[in-house]
Amino acid sequence: MHLWWQYGIAVCMVAFLILTLYGIRLLRRADAALKQAEAALREVQQQVTQTTGESERLFKASTVLVEDLQGKLTAADAWFKAANETGEAMNRVSRSVKVMSQTVEHSVLEARRAVHNNQDTVNDLMELTTAGIHLWHRLQACKRSKSKE
């Protein structure tokens, strides 16, 4: 019976050695897997850092673009306001010109009616004016002839 006990201990020792070898192998594989995972994590962290930097640059560029766009929109608003005011001024000028044109037209029509209604008076006035001019010329001629004498 002594022999069985020694065989049992030997089998336990062999089993312990096999288990230890598998444990060491498992630990090495786990260590290799951890190193690989660590390298992958470093790579991901590096990509995240790059992405963060690019995102910050994009955000800054977007901010500058939005500020520039706001400035241009403000300038465009001022331009549209000025154009609107110019349009309103042009409408006022157009209305004023129209009123003046109507007034002038009305005055011309009234003058034409007055001239037409007073044609005889105008004819008489023209005759008197012509006679006055003839008298003026004769008076001037008389003055010249008296000056020469």
Protein backbone atom coordinates (compact mmCIF):
# COMPACT_ATOMS: atom_id res chain seq x y z
CA MET A 1 0.00 0.00 0.00
CA HIS A 2 2.86 2.30 0.36
CA LEU A 3 3.34 2.35 -3.30
CA TRP A 4 -0.08 3.68 -4.07
CA TRP A 5 0.47 6.61 -1.90
CA GLN A 6 3.72 7.50 -3.66
CA TYR A 7 2.07 7.02 -7.05
CA GLY A 8 -0.74 9.34 -5.98
CA ILE A 9 1.75 12.00 -4.93
CA ALA A 10 3.68 11.56 -8.20
CA VAL A 11 0.46 11.89 -10.25
CA CYS A 12 -0.49 14.98 -8.22
CA MET A 13 2.94 16.47 -8.85
CA VAL A 14 2.76 15.74 -12.59
CA ALA A 15 -0.76 17.17 -12.68
CA PHE A 16 0.49 20.23 -10.77
CA LEU A 17 3.38 20.65 -13.23
CA ILE A 18 1.05 20.33 -16.25
CA LEU A 19 -1.38 22.75 -14.64
CA THR A 20 1.47 25.15 -13.87
CA LEU A 21 2.74 24.93 -17.48
CA TYR A 22 -0.74 25.60 -18.85
CA GLY A 23 -1.13 28.43 -16.35
CA ILE A 24 2.18 29.97 -17.44
CA ARG A 25 1.18 29.60 -21.09
CA LEU A 26 -2.18 31.13 -20.35
CA LEU A 27 -0.51 34.02 -18.51
CA ARG A 28 1.87 34.61 -21.47
CA ARG A 29 -1.04 34.64 -23.92
CA ALA A 30 -2.98 36.96 -21.63
CA ASP A 31 0.09 39.21 -21.35
CA ALA A 32 0.47 39.24 -25.16
CA ALA A 33 -3.26 39.98 -25.54
CA LEU A 34 -2.99 42.80 -22.99
CA LYS A 35 0.02 44.27 -24.81
CA GLN A 36 -1.88 44.09 -28.10
CA ALA A 37 -4.95 45.68 -26.49
CA GLU A 38 -2.73 48.38 -24.97
CA ALA A 39 -1.20 49.12 -28.39
CA ALA A 40 -4.68 49.27 -29.94
CA LEU A 41 -5.81 51.61 -27.17
CA ARG A 42 -2.78 53.86 -27.74
CA GLU A 43 -3.59 53.97 -31.45
CA VAL A 44 -7.24 54.78 -30.72
CA GLN A 45 -6.18 57.44 -28.21
CA GLN A 46 -3.84 58.96 -30.80
CA GLN A 47 -6.63 59.01 -33.40
CA VAL A 48 -9.01 60.55 -30.87
CA THR A 49 -6.40 63.21 -30.09
CA GLN A 50 -5.95 63.97 -33.80
CA THR A 51 -9.71 64.04 -34.31
CA THR A 52 -10.08 66.40 -31.36
CA GLY A 53 -7.44 68.72 -32.80
CA GLU A 54 -9.09 68.68 -36.22
CA SER A 55 -12.49 69.27 -34.60
CA GLU A 56 -11.10 72.28 -32.72
CA ARG A 57 -9.61 73.69 -35.94
CA LEU A 58 -12.90 73.08 -37.76
CA PHE A 59 -14.81 74.75 -34.92
CA LYS A 60 -12.49 77.78 -35.01
CA ALA A 61 -12.77 78.01 -38.80
CA SER A 62 -16.56 77.68 -38.53
CA THR A 63 -16.64 80.42 -35.92
CA VAL A 64 -14.60 82.74 -38.14
CA LEU A 65 -16.83 81.88 -41.10
CA VAL A 66 -20.00 82.56 -39.10
CA GLU A 67 -18.63 85.89 -37.83
CA ASP A 68 -17.64 86.86 -41.37
CA LEU A 69 -21.07 85.83 -42.63
CA GLN A 70 -22.74 87.85 -39.88
CA GLY A 71 -20.68 90.88 -40.86
CA LYS A 72 -21.58 90.45 -44.50
CA LEU A 73 -25.26 89.98 -43.64
CA THR A 74 -25.14 93.16 -41.56
CA ALA A 75 -23.58 95.00 -44.49
CA ALA A 76 -26.16 93.48 -46.84
CA ASP A 77 -28.95 94.57 -44.46
CA ALA A 78 -27.57 98.10 -44.53
CA TRP A 79 -27.37 97.95 -48.33
CA PHE A 80 -30.95 96.68 -48.61
CA LYS A 81 -32.12 99.37 -46.18
CA ALA A 82 -30.31 102.02 -48.25
CA ALA A 83 -31.77 100.57 -51.46
CA ASN A 84 -35.23 100.62 -49.88
CA GLU A 85 -34.76 104.23 -48.75
CA THR A 86 -33.49 105.13 -52.23
CA GLY A 87 -36.54 103.47 -53.75
CA GLU A 88 -38.82 105.40 -51.43
CA ALA A 89 -36.98 108.64 -52.27
CA MET A 90 -37.29 107.86 -55.98
CA ASN A 91 -41.02 107.27 -55.51
CA ARG A 92 -41.34 110.63 -53.75
CA VAL A 93 -39.34 112.34 -56.52
CA SER A 94 -41.43 110.58 -59.15
CA ARG A 95 -44.65 111.72 -57.47
CA SER A 96 -43.28 115.28 -57.20
CA VAL A 97 -42.25 115.29 -60.87
CA LYS A 98 -45.65 113.91 -61.82
CA VAL A 99 -47.42 116.61 -59.79
CA MET A 100 -45.16 119.30 -61.29
CA SER A 101 -45.73 117.91 -64.77
CA GLN A 102 -49.48 117.93 -64.24
CA THR A 103 -49.28 121.48 -62.88
CA VAL A 104 -47.23 122.67 -65.87
CA GLU A 105 -49.54 120.87 -68.26
CA HIS A 106 -52.54 122.41 -66.54
CA SER A 107 -50.91 125.85 -66.68
CA VAL A 108 -50.10 125.44 -70.38
CA LEU A 109 -53.64 124.31 -71.10
CA GLU A 110 -55.02 127.27 -69.15
CA ALA A 111 -52.66 129.63 -71.01
CA ARG A 112 -53.69 128.07 -74.34
CA ARG A 113 -57.38 128.48 -73.45
CA ALA A 114 -56.75 132.04 -72.32
CA VAL A 115 -54.84 132.83 -75.53
CA HIS A 116 -57.47 131.12 -77.64
CA ASN A 117 -60.28 132.90 -75.79
CA ASN A 118 -58.46 136.22 -76.04
CA GLN A 119 -57.20 135.86 -79.62
CA ASP A 120 -58.56 139.25 -80.59
CA THR A 121 -56.80 140.82 -77.63
CA VAL A 122 -53.59 139.10 -78.60
CA ASN A 123 -53.95 140.24 -82.21
CA ASP A 124 -54.53 143.79 -81.02
CA LEU A 125 -51.55 143.48 -78.69
CA MET A 126 -49.39 142.19 -81.56
CA GLU A 127 -50.45 145.11 -83.76
CA LEU A 128 -49.76 147.58 -80.98
CA THR A 129 -46.38 145.98 -80.31
CA THR A 130 -45.48 146.12 -83.99
CA ALA A 131 -46.63 149.75 -84.18
CA GLY A 132 -44.59 150.52 -81.06
CA ILE A 133 -41.50 148.96 -82.62
CA HIS A 134 -42.01 150.99 -85.84
CA LEU A 135 -42.42 154.17 -83.83
CA TRP A 136 -39.27 153.34 -81.88
CA HIS A 137 -37.31 152.85 -85.09
CA ARG A 138 -38.61 156.15 -86.51
CA LEU A 139 -37.78 157.94 -83.28
CA GLN A 140 -34.27 156.54 -83.39
CA ALA A 141 -33.94 157.54 -87.03
CA CYS A 142 -35.07 161.08 -86.20
CA LYS A 143 -32.58 161.32 -83.37
CA ARG A 144 -29.78 160.21 -85.68
CA SER A 145 -30.71 162.67 -88.35
CA LYS A 146 -30.87 165.51 -85.82
CA SER A 147 -27.49 164.49 -84.46
CA LYS A 148 -25.97 164.66 -87.93
CA GLU A 149 -27.28 168.15 -88.58
